[in-house]
Amino acid sequence: MTIKLHCFGESGHSYKAALALELSGLDWEPVLVDFFAGATREAAYREGVNAMGEAPVLEDGDTRLTQSAVIQGYVSDRTGRFGGADAAEAREILRWQFWDNHKLSSQAGMLRFLMNFLPEDKRPAEVIDFTANRLRSAYQVLDAHLAGRDWIVGDGVTNADLTCCGYLFYPEPFGFARAEWPAIDAWLDRLSGLPGWKHPYDLMPRAYRASQD
């Protein structure tokens, strides 16, 4: 049975789940969430897909899961991949997933939305500057950690990598320039060099572009 992932290309959190699915080799397909048309705020979505009004959502038979880290964990349970070599690595992966969702992806997702998907006259300059400064601190932490190592945890790619890269391949401006962070830059090259890797816009359908047509 083909796994369905309710997602949209502009969502970095969706990308975390989609990339894990794609690299795992599981049979899956994306189901477009028309986010920019308000799909996640509609009663049909809240009642039938995700009461939290978020994407991604994984459906695998009778199993329905939300939150990207939970979906990644499910992929690891199904395939034995990306979950760490032992319990200590699994805890360290979880630590980075929590850090990312609090310090990196949450800030990057909001800043990218404010800078690119709002009308120019509605973009709050003070909020953008504040968030960009917070993000620089997160980039510093990640770049320092990756200096001298290939992957965030252990000797191979794990859910820590597939989580923390969630927004960093997107082309829209959001206070991130790869050239400023050499260890992150090299790590992203390693990720994009993995067999089966795809850019988020090649892996999932885009909702913003569809909403403009």
C-alpha atoms as a PDB file:
ATOM      1  CA  MET A   1       0.000   0.000   0.000  1.00  0.00           C
ATOM      2  CA  THR A   2       1.319   3.408  -0.959  1.00  0.00           C
ATOM      3  CA  ILE A   3       1.921   5.812   1.908  1.00  0.00           C
ATOM      4  CA  LYS A   4       0.296   9.215   1.433  1.00  0.00           C
ATOM      5  CA  LEU A   5       1.905  12.370   2.745  1.00  0.00           C
ATOM      6  CA  HIS A   6      -0.296  15.451   2.945  1.00  0.00           C
ATOM      7  CA  CYS A   7       2.204  18.206   2.283  1.00  0.00           C
ATOM      8  CA  PHE A   8       3.170  21.181   0.149  1.00  0.00           C
ATOM      9  CA  GLY A   9       6.470  22.149  -1.387  1.00  0.00           C
ATOM     10  CA  GLU A  10       6.951  25.419   0.465  1.00  0.00           C
ATOM     11  CA  SER A  11       6.734  23.707   3.866  1.00  0.00           C
ATOM     12  CA  GLY A  12      10.101  22.900   5.406  1.00  0.00           C
ATOM     13  CA  HIS A  13       8.414  20.676   7.962  1.00  0.00           C
ATOM     14  CA  SER A  14       6.782  18.730   5.140  1.00  0.00           C
ATOM     15  CA  TYR A  15      10.186  18.439   3.486  1.00  0.00           C
ATOM     16  CA  LYS A  16      11.638  16.769   6.584  1.00  0.00           C
ATOM     17  CA  ALA A  17       9.059  13.993   6.321  1.00  0.00           C
ATOM     18  CA  ALA A  18       9.106  13.758   2.530  1.00  0.00           C
ATOM     19  CA  LEU A  19      12.893  13.520   2.394  1.00  0.00           C
ATOM     20  CA  ALA A  20      12.940  10.755   5.003  1.00  0.00           C
ATOM     21  CA  LEU A  21      10.346   8.837   3.008  1.00  0.00           C
ATOM     22  CA  GLU A  22      12.185   9.350  -0.278  1.00  0.00           C
ATOM     23  CA  LEU A  23      15.600   8.338   1.034  1.00  0.00           C
ATOM     24  CA  SER A  24      14.162   5.348   2.904  1.00  0.00           C
ATOM     25  CA  GLY A  25      12.926   3.701  -0.282  1.00  0.00           C
ATOM     26  CA  LEU A  26       9.360   3.321   0.989  1.00  0.00           C
ATOM     27  CA  ASP A  27       6.549   3.615  -1.554  1.00  0.00           C
ATOM     28  CA  TRP A  28       4.875   6.985  -0.993  1.00  0.00           C
ATOM     29  CA  GLU A  29       3.153   9.819  -2.802  1.00  0.00           C
ATOM     30  CA  PRO A  30       2.499  13.474  -1.954  1.00  0.00           C
ATOM     31  CA  VAL A  31      -1.014  14.831  -1.517  1.00  0.00           C
ATOM     32  CA  LEU A  32      -1.097  18.596  -2.020  1.00  0.00           C
ATOM     33  CA  VAL A  33      -2.273  20.688   0.906  1.00  0.00           C
ATOM     34  CA  ASP A  34      -3.471  23.965  -0.618  1.00  0.00           C
ATOM     35  CA  PHE A  35      -2.078  25.952   2.283  1.00  0.00           C
ATOM     36  CA  PHE A  36      -2.108  29.409   0.724  1.00  0.00           C
ATOM     37  CA  ALA A  37      -5.770  29.013  -0.204  1.00  0.00           C
ATOM     38  CA  GLY A  38      -6.557  28.354   3.460  1.00  0.00           C
ATOM     39  CA  ALA A  39      -6.988  24.566   3.285  1.00  0.00           C
ATOM     40  CA  THR A  40      -5.574  23.901   6.763  1.00  0.00           C
ATOM     41  CA  ARG A  41      -8.070  26.336   8.311  1.00  0.00           C
ATOM     42  CA  GLU A  42     -11.093  24.637   6.799  1.00  0.00           C
ATOM     43  CA  ALA A  43     -13.341  22.363   8.852  1.00  0.00           C
ATOM     44  CA  ALA A  44     -12.913  19.503   6.389  1.00  0.00           C
ATOM     45  CA  TYR A  45      -9.149  19.490   6.952  1.00  0.00           C
ATOM     46  CA  ARG A  46      -9.360  19.943  10.728  1.00  0.00           C
ATOM     47  CA  GLU A  47     -11.949  17.195  11.083  1.00  0.00           C
ATOM     48  CA  GLY A  48     -10.755  14.791   8.416  1.00  0.00           C
ATOM     49  CA  VAL A  49      -6.984  15.192   8.209  1.00  0.00           C
ATOM     50  CA  ASN A  50      -5.383  17.009  11.158  1.00  0.00           C
ATOM     51  CA  ALA A  51      -7.184  18.690  14.031  1.00  0.00           C
ATOM     52  CA  MET A  52      -4.079  20.799  14.637  1.00  0.00           C
ATOM     53  CA  GLY A  53      -4.449  22.375  11.204  1.00  0.00           C
ATOM     54  CA  GLU A  54      -0.888  21.615  10.149  1.00  0.00           C
ATOM     55  CA  ALA A  55       1.117  19.752   7.533  1.00  0.00           C
ATOM     56  CA  PRO A  56       2.640  17.237   7.064  1.00  0.00           C
ATOM     57  CA  VAL A  57       0.289  14.360   7.771  1.00  0.00           C
ATOM     58  CA  LEU A  58       1.193  10.755   6.959  1.00  0.00           C
ATOM     59  CA  GLU A  59      -1.428   8.142   6.135  1.00  0.00           C
ATOM     60  CA  ASP A  60      -0.397   4.512   5.895  1.00  0.00           C
ATOM     61  CA  GLY A  61      -3.466   2.292   5.904  1.00  0.00           C
ATOM     62  CA  ASP A  62      -5.147   2.835   9.259  1.00  0.00           C
ATOM     63  CA  THR A  63      -2.146   4.738  10.617  1.00  0.00           C
ATOM     64  CA  ARG A  64      -2.316   8.535  10.573  1.00  0.00           C
ATOM     65  CA  LEU A  65       0.545  10.565  12.004  1.00  0.00           C
ATOM     66  CA  THR A  66       1.263  14.269  12.345  1.00  0.00           C
ATOM     67  CA  GLN A  67       4.417  16.216  13.263  1.00  0.00           C
ATOM     68  CA  SER A  68       7.504  15.704  11.132  1.00  0.00           C
ATOM     69  CA  ALA A  69       9.648  14.140  13.873  1.00  0.00           C
ATOM     70  CA  VAL A  70       6.961  11.553  14.618  1.00  0.00           C
ATOM     71  CA  ILE A  71       6.696  10.736  10.916  1.00  0.00           C
ATOM     72  CA  GLN A  72      10.466  10.402  10.662  1.00  0.00           C
ATOM     73  CA  GLY A  73      10.381   8.046  13.641  1.00  0.00           C
ATOM     74  CA  TYR A  74       7.751   5.948  11.917  1.00  0.00           C
ATOM     75  CA  VAL A  75       9.904   5.738   8.793  1.00  0.00           C
ATOM     76  CA  SER A  76      12.815   4.586  10.962  1.00  0.00           C
ATOM     77  CA  ASP A  77      10.635   1.958  12.644  1.00  0.00           C
ATOM     78  CA  ARG A  78       9.525   0.671   9.239  1.00  0.00           C
ATOM     79  CA  THR A  79      12.956   0.599   7.626  1.00  0.00           C
ATOM     80  CA  GLY A  80      15.592   0.572  10.370  1.00  0.00           C
ATOM     81  CA  ARG A  81      17.156   3.694   8.831  1.00  0.00           C
ATOM     82  CA  PHE A  82      18.017   7.133  10.199  1.00  0.00           C
ATOM     83  CA  GLY A  83      17.168   6.333  13.814  1.00  0.00           C
ATOM     84  CA  GLY A  84      20.682   5.955  15.210  1.00  0.00           C
ATOM     85  CA  ALA A  85      22.954   3.027  15.907  1.00  0.00           C
ATOM     86  CA  ASP A  86      21.941   2.609  19.561  1.00  0.00           C
ATOM     87  CA  ALA A  87      19.861   4.151  22.338  1.00  0.00           C
ATOM     88  CA  ALA A  88      22.429   6.850  23.046  1.00  0.00           C
ATOM     89  CA  GLU A  89      22.405   7.995  19.419  1.00  0.00           C
ATOM     90  CA  ALA A  90      18.593   7.873  19.358  1.00  0.00           C
ATOM     91  CA  ARG A  91      18.481  10.235  22.343  1.00  0.00           C
ATOM     92  CA  GLU A  92      20.992  12.559  20.697  1.00  0.00           C
ATOM     93  CA  ILE A  93      18.939  12.605  17.490  1.00  0.00           C
ATOM     94  CA  LEU A  94      15.866  13.508  19.507  1.00  0.00           C
ATOM     95  CA  ARG A  95      17.801  16.299  21.225  1.00  0.00           C
ATOM     96  CA  TRP A  96      18.635  17.852  17.864  1.00  0.00           C
ATOM     97  CA  GLN A  97      15.086  17.432  16.616  1.00  0.00           C
ATOM     98  CA  PHE A  98      13.781  19.341  19.641  1.00  0.00           C
ATOM     99  CA  TRP A  99      16.468  21.996  19.205  1.00  0.00           C
ATOM    100  CA  ASP A 100      15.670  22.414  15.535  1.00  0.00           C
ATOM    101  CA  ASN A 101      11.959  22.813  16.099  1.00  0.00           C
ATOM    102  CA  HIS A 102      12.512  25.398  18.824  1.00  0.00           C
ATOM    103  CA  LYS A 103      15.555  27.317  17.590  1.00  0.00           C
ATOM    104  CA  LEU A 104      16.007  26.763  13.850  1.00  0.00           C
ATOM    105  CA  SER A 105      13.009  25.619  11.815  1.00  0.00           C
ATOM    106  CA  SER A 106      10.411  27.570  13.772  1.00  0.00           C
ATOM    107  CA  GLN A 107      12.370  30.795  13.258  1.00  0.00           C
ATOM    108  CA  ALA A 108      13.380  30.062   9.654  1.00  0.00           C
ATOM    109  CA  GLY A 109       9.848  29.097   8.660  1.00  0.00           C
ATOM    110  CA  MET A 110       8.348  32.252  10.118  1.00  0.00           C
ATOM    111  CA  LEU A 111      11.037  34.545   8.690  1.00  0.00           C
ATOM    112  CA  ARG A 112      10.783  32.994   5.237  1.00  0.00           C
ATOM    113  CA  PHE A 113       7.013  33.411   5.297  1.00  0.00           C
ATOM    114  CA  LEU A 114       7.222  37.053   6.384  1.00  0.00           C
ATOM    115  CA  MET A 115       9.879  37.905   3.800  1.00  0.00           C
ATOM    116  CA  ASN A 116       8.416  36.103   0.798  1.00  0.00           C
ATOM    117  CA  PHE A 117       4.758  35.158   1.109  1.00  0.00           C
ATOM    118  CA  LEU A 118       3.258  38.351   2.542  1.00  0.00           C
ATOM    119  CA  PRO A 119       2.600  41.459   0.444  1.00  0.00           C
ATOM    120  CA  GLU A 120       5.557  43.822   0.736  1.00  0.00           C
ATOM    121  CA  ASP A 121       3.522  46.481   2.544  1.00  0.00           C
ATOM    122  CA  LYS A 122       2.565  43.970   5.245  1.00  0.00           C
ATOM    123  CA  ARG A 123       6.057  42.711   6.058  1.00  0.00           C
ATOM    124  CA  PRO A 124       6.941  43.750   9.645  1.00  0.00           C
ATOM    125  CA  ALA A 125      10.510  45.077   9.490  1.00  0.00           C
ATOM    126  CA  GLU A 126      11.160  44.930  13.247  1.00  0.00           C
ATOM    127  CA  VAL A 127       9.940  41.355  13.527  1.00  0.00           C
ATOM    128  CA  ILE A 128      12.012  40.367  10.506  1.00  0.00           C
ATOM    129  CA  ASP A 129      15.170  41.921  11.986  1.00  0.00           C
ATOM    130  CA  PHE A 130      14.567  40.341  15.398  1.00  0.00           C
ATOM    131  CA  THR A 131      13.973  36.888  13.942  1.00  0.00           C
ATOM    132  CA  ALA A 132      16.975  37.137  11.609  1.00  0.00           C
ATOM    133  CA  ASN A 133      19.220  37.836  14.603  1.00  0.00           C
ATOM    134  CA  ARG A 134      17.829  34.854  16.491  1.00  0.00           C
ATOM    135  CA  LEU A 135      18.454  32.690  13.449  1.00  0.00           C
ATOM    136  CA  ARG A 136      22.083  33.746  13.231  1.00  0.00           C
ATOM    137  CA  SER A 137      22.576  32.328  16.713  1.00  0.00           C
ATOM    138  CA  ALA A 138      21.086  29.021  15.572  1.00  0.00           C
ATOM    139  CA  TYR A 139      23.294  28.939  12.482  1.00  0.00           C
ATOM    140  CA  GLN A 140      26.322  29.527  14.720  1.00  0.00           C
ATOM    141  CA  VAL A 141      25.401  26.562  16.914  1.00  0.00           C
ATOM    142  CA  LEU A 142      24.880  24.239  13.953  1.00  0.00           C
ATOM    143  CA  ASP A 143      27.980  25.390  12.074  1.00  0.00           C
ATOM    144  CA  ALA A 144      30.186  24.959  15.142  1.00  0.00           C
ATOM    145  CA  HIS A 145      28.783  21.490  15.788  1.00  0.00           C
ATOM    146  CA  LEU A 146      29.373  20.378  12.191  1.00  0.00           C
ATOM    147  CA  ALA A 147      32.959  21.643  12.055  1.00  0.00           C
ATOM    148  CA  GLY A 148      35.151  18.560  11.778  1.00  0.00           C
ATOM    149  CA  ARG A 149      32.286  16.086  11.387  1.00  0.00           C
ATOM    150  CA  ASP A 150      30.234  14.818   8.463  1.00  0.00           C
ATOM    151  CA  TRP A 151      26.872  14.327  10.167  1.00  0.00           C
ATOM    152  CA  ILE A 152      25.092  15.782  13.177  1.00  0.00           C
ATOM    153  CA  VAL A 153      24.928  12.476  15.068  1.00  0.00           C
ATOM    154  CA  GLY A 154      27.126   9.437  14.541  1.00  0.00           C
ATOM    155  CA  ASP A 155      28.838   8.305  11.365  1.00  0.00           C
ATOM    156  CA  GLY A 156      25.947   8.482   8.920  1.00  0.00           C
ATOM    157  CA  VAL A 157      22.870  10.434   7.991  1.00  0.00           C
ATOM    158  CA  THR A 158      20.122  10.332  10.623  1.00  0.00           C
ATOM    159  CA  ASN A 159      16.843  12.031  11.381  1.00  0.00           C
ATOM    160  CA  ALA A 160      18.859  14.787  13.036  1.00  0.00           C
ATOM    161  CA  ASP A 161      20.241  15.746   9.620  1.00  0.00           C
ATOM    162  CA  LEU A 162      16.899  15.286   7.852  1.00  0.00           C
ATOM    163  CA  THR A 163      15.307  17.558  10.450  1.00  0.00           C
ATOM    164  CA  CYS A 164      17.853  20.351  10.669  1.00  0.00           C
ATOM    165  CA  CYS A 165      18.150  20.727   6.889  1.00  0.00           C
ATOM    166  CA  GLY A 166      14.401  21.275   6.571  1.00  0.00           C
ATOM    167  CA  TYR A 167      14.532  24.910   5.479  1.00  0.00           C
ATOM    168  CA  LEU A 168      18.132  25.275   4.380  1.00  0.00           C
ATOM    169  CA  PHE A 169      17.748  24.184   0.751  1.00  0.00           C
ATOM    170  CA  TYR A 170      15.074  26.742  -0.093  1.00  0.00           C
ATOM    171  CA  PRO A 171      16.044  29.500  -2.550  1.00  0.00           C
ATOM    172  CA  GLU A 172      13.925  32.309  -1.086  1.00  0.00           C
ATOM    173  CA  PRO A 173      15.740  34.775   1.193  1.00  0.00           C
ATOM    174  CA  PHE A 174      15.370  34.242   4.932  1.00  0.00           C
ATOM    175  CA  GLY A 175      18.614  35.408   6.454  1.00  0.00           C
ATOM    176  CA  PHE A 176      20.679  32.393   5.404  1.00  0.00           C
ATOM    177  CA  ALA A 177      23.655  32.539   3.047  1.00  0.00           C
ATOM    178  CA  ARG A 178      25.477  29.228   2.741  1.00  0.00           C
ATOM    179  CA  ALA A 179      28.820  30.901   2.037  1.00  0.00           C
ATOM    180  CA  GLU A 180      28.816  32.433   5.522  1.00  0.00           C
ATOM    181  CA  TRP A 181      28.659  29.013   7.180  1.00  0.00           C
ATOM    182  CA  PRO A 182      31.297  26.693   5.660  1.00  0.00           C
ATOM    183  CA  ALA A 183      30.562  23.657   7.826  1.00  0.00           C
ATOM    184  CA  ILE A 184      26.831  23.883   7.130  1.00  0.00           C
ATOM    185  CA  ASP A 185      27.561  24.414   3.442  1.00  0.00           C
ATOM    186  CA  ALA A 186      29.697  21.274   3.235  1.00  0.00           C
ATOM    187  CA  TRP A 187      27.089  19.283   5.180  1.00  0.00           C
ATOM    188  CA  LEU A 188      24.318  20.384   2.803  1.00  0.00           C
ATOM    189  CA  ASP A 189      26.501  19.246  -0.101  1.00  0.00           C
ATOM    190  CA  ARG A 190      26.843  15.842   1.545  1.00  0.00           C
ATOM    191  CA  LEU A 191      23.084  15.631   1.989  1.00  0.00           C
ATOM    192  CA  SER A 192      22.312  16.628  -1.596  1.00  0.00           C
ATOM    193  CA  GLY A 193      24.862  14.055  -2.754  1.00  0.00           C
ATOM    194  CA  LEU A 194      22.957  11.169  -1.174  1.00  0.00           C
ATOM    195  CA  PRO A 195      21.380   8.711  -3.632  1.00  0.00           C
ATOM    196  CA  GLY A 196      17.730   9.647  -4.010  1.00  0.00           C
ATOM    197  CA  TRP A 197      18.039  13.157  -2.585  1.00  0.00           C
ATOM    198  CA  LYS A 198      15.651  15.701  -4.114  1.00  0.00           C
ATOM    199  CA  HIS A 199      15.130  19.422  -3.682  1.00  0.00           C
ATOM    200  CA  PRO A 200      11.872  20.250  -1.864  1.00  0.00           C
ATOM    201  CA  TYR A 201      10.316  21.736  -4.996  1.00  0.00           C
ATOM    202  CA  ASP A 202      11.126  18.555  -6.915  1.00  0.00           C
ATOM    203  CA  LEU A 203       9.830  16.294  -4.160  1.00  0.00           C
ATOM    204  CA  MET A 204       6.472  17.939  -3.394  1.00  0.00           C
ATOM    205  CA  PRO A 205       3.901  20.015  -5.305  1.00  0.00           C
ATOM    206  CA  ARG A 206       3.966  23.747  -4.662  1.00  0.00           C
ATOM    207  CA  ALA A 207       0.945  25.415  -3.087  1.00  0.00           C
ATOM    208  CA  TYR A 208       1.940  29.076  -3.448  1.00  0.00           C
ATOM    209  CA  ARG A 209       2.470  28.882  -7.189  1.00  0.00           C
ATOM    210  CA  ALA A 210      -0.841  27.055  -7.573  1.00  0.00           C
ATOM    211  CA  SER A 211      -2.618  29.755  -5.587  1.00  0.00           C
ATOM    212  CA  GLN A 212      -1.278  32.417  -7.964  1.00  0.00           C
ATOM    213  CA  ASP A 213      -2.521  30.704 -11.139  1.00  0.00           C
END
